[in-house]
C-alpha atoms as a PDB file:
ATOM      1  CA  UNK A   1      17.531  28.851  30.039  1.00  0.00           C
ATOM      2  CA  UNK A   2      17.865  25.087  30.234  1.00  0.00           C
ATOM      3  CA  UNK A   3      18.356  23.123  27.020  1.00  0.00           C
ATOM      4  CA  UNK A   4      15.809  20.594  28.285  1.00  0.00           C
ATOM      5  CA  UNK A   5      13.162  23.330  27.888  1.00  0.00           C
ATOM      6  CA  UNK A   6      14.011  24.028  24.229  1.00  0.00           C
ATOM      7  CA  UNK A   7      11.721  22.533  21.580  1.00  0.00           C
ATOM      8  CA  UNK A   8      11.696  22.124  17.813  1.00  0.00           C
ATOM      9  CA  UNK A   9      10.427  25.431  16.423  1.00  0.00           C
ATOM     10  CA  UNK A  10      12.150  27.599  19.054  1.00  0.00           C
ATOM     11  CA  UNK A  11      14.445  30.358  17.790  1.00  0.00           C
ATOM     12  CA  UNK A  12      17.943  30.559  19.245  1.00  0.00           C
ATOM     13  CA  UNK A  13      21.001  32.726  18.770  1.00  0.00           C
ATOM     14  CA  UNK A  14      24.326  30.913  18.742  1.00  0.00           C
ATOM     15  CA  UNK A  15      28.004  31.560  18.016  1.00  0.00           C
ATOM     16  CA  UNK A  16      29.882  30.145  15.027  1.00  0.00           C
ATOM     17  CA  UNK A  17      33.402  31.528  15.300  1.00  0.00           C
ATOM     18  CA  UNK A  18      33.037  35.308  15.204  1.00  0.00           C
ATOM     19  CA  UNK A  19      29.491  35.149  13.792  1.00  0.00           C
ATOM     20  CA  UNK A  20      26.275  35.276  15.785  1.00  0.00           C
ATOM     21  CA  UNK A  21      23.459  33.344  14.059  1.00  0.00           C
ATOM     22  CA  UNK A  22      19.720  33.550  14.779  1.00  0.00           C
ATOM     23  CA  UNK A  23      17.904  30.453  13.462  1.00  0.00           C
ATOM     24  CA  UNK A  24      15.068  28.089  14.291  1.00  0.00           C
ATOM     25  CA  UNK A  25      15.602  24.635  15.834  1.00  0.00           C
ATOM     26  CA  UNK A  26      14.495  21.869  13.443  1.00  0.00           C
ATOM     27  CA  UNK A  27      15.862  18.846  15.343  1.00  0.00           C
ATOM     28  CA  UNK A  28      16.989  18.061  18.902  1.00  0.00           C
ATOM     29  CA  UNK A  29      18.927  15.013  19.992  1.00  0.00           C
ATOM     30  CA  UNK A  30      21.662  13.477  22.095  1.00  0.00           C
ATOM     31  CA  UNK A  31      24.882  11.847  20.937  1.00  0.00           C
ATOM     32  CA  UNK A  32      28.204  10.839  22.501  1.00  0.00           C
ATOM     33  CA  UNK A  33      28.967  14.535  23.158  1.00  0.00           C
ATOM     34  CA  UNK A  34      25.578  15.215  24.784  1.00  0.00           C
ATOM     35  CA  UNK A  35      22.687  17.497  23.827  1.00  0.00           C
ATOM     36  CA  UNK A  36      22.583  19.112  20.386  1.00  0.00           C
ATOM     37  CA  UNK A  37      20.239  21.020  18.103  1.00  0.00           C
ATOM     38  CA  UNK A  38      20.113  21.261  14.327  1.00  0.00           C
ATOM     39  CA  UNK A  39      19.028  24.681  13.089  1.00  0.00           C
ATOM     40  CA  UNK A  40      17.822  26.225   9.850  1.00  0.00           C
ATOM     41  CA  UNK A  41      17.044  29.712   8.660  1.00  0.00           C
ATOM     42  CA  UNK A  42      13.371  30.197   7.854  1.00  0.00           C
ATOM     43  CA  UNK A  43      14.161  31.029   4.217  1.00  0.00           C
ATOM     44  CA  UNK A  44      16.896  28.410   3.762  1.00  0.00           C
ATOM     45  CA  UNK A  45      16.289  25.175   1.842  1.00  0.00           C
ATOM     46  CA  UNK A  46      18.708  23.097   3.915  1.00  0.00           C
ATOM     47  CA  UNK A  47      19.595  22.919   7.623  1.00  0.00           C
ATOM     48  CA  UNK A  48      22.774  24.597   8.861  1.00  0.00           C
ATOM     49  CA  UNK A  49      25.973  22.569   8.816  1.00  0.00           C
ATOM     50  CA  UNK A  50      27.090  21.223  12.173  1.00  0.00           C
ATOM     51  CA  UNK A  51      25.321  20.679  15.450  1.00  0.00           C
ATOM     52  CA  UNK A  52      24.653  23.490  17.921  1.00  0.00           C
ATOM     53  CA  UNK A  53      25.800  22.581  21.439  1.00  0.00           C
ATOM     54  CA  UNK A  54      24.555  24.047  24.710  1.00  0.00           C
ATOM     55  CA  UNK A  55      27.713  26.152  25.103  1.00  0.00           C
ATOM     56  CA  UNK A  56      27.204  27.718  21.666  1.00  0.00           C
ATOM     57  CA  UNK A  57      23.806  29.220  22.527  1.00  0.00           C
ATOM     58  CA  UNK A  58      23.865  32.881  23.531  1.00  0.00           C
ATOM     59  CA  UNK A  59      20.153  33.772  23.534  1.00  0.00           C
ATOM     60  CA  UNK A  60      16.692  32.235  23.235  1.00  0.00           C
ATOM     61  CA  UNK A  61      13.802  34.153  21.659  1.00  0.00           C
ATOM     62  CA  UNK A  62      10.857  34.152  24.067  1.00  0.00           C
ATOM     63  CA  UNK A  63       8.442  36.424  22.196  1.00  0.00           C
ATOM     64  CA  UNK A  64       7.916  37.969  18.794  1.00  0.00           C
ATOM     65  CA  UNK A  65       5.782  41.094  18.750  1.00  0.00           C
ATOM     66  CA  UNK A  66       4.052  41.989  15.502  1.00  0.00           C
END
């Protein structure tokens, strides 16, 4: 995957220490450290703390089958 292809609404899996988190992207931007995403769980009221960087991402959901 290329981070340039990710969009708000996409679901990504990323590492936070020993944890693997699967959440939806709610914001994408660039700062002095480069590309970042802000994520949030679908049932959470508030976005996750901290920015997700390209190196944190382990997987990108490409399809959900119902």
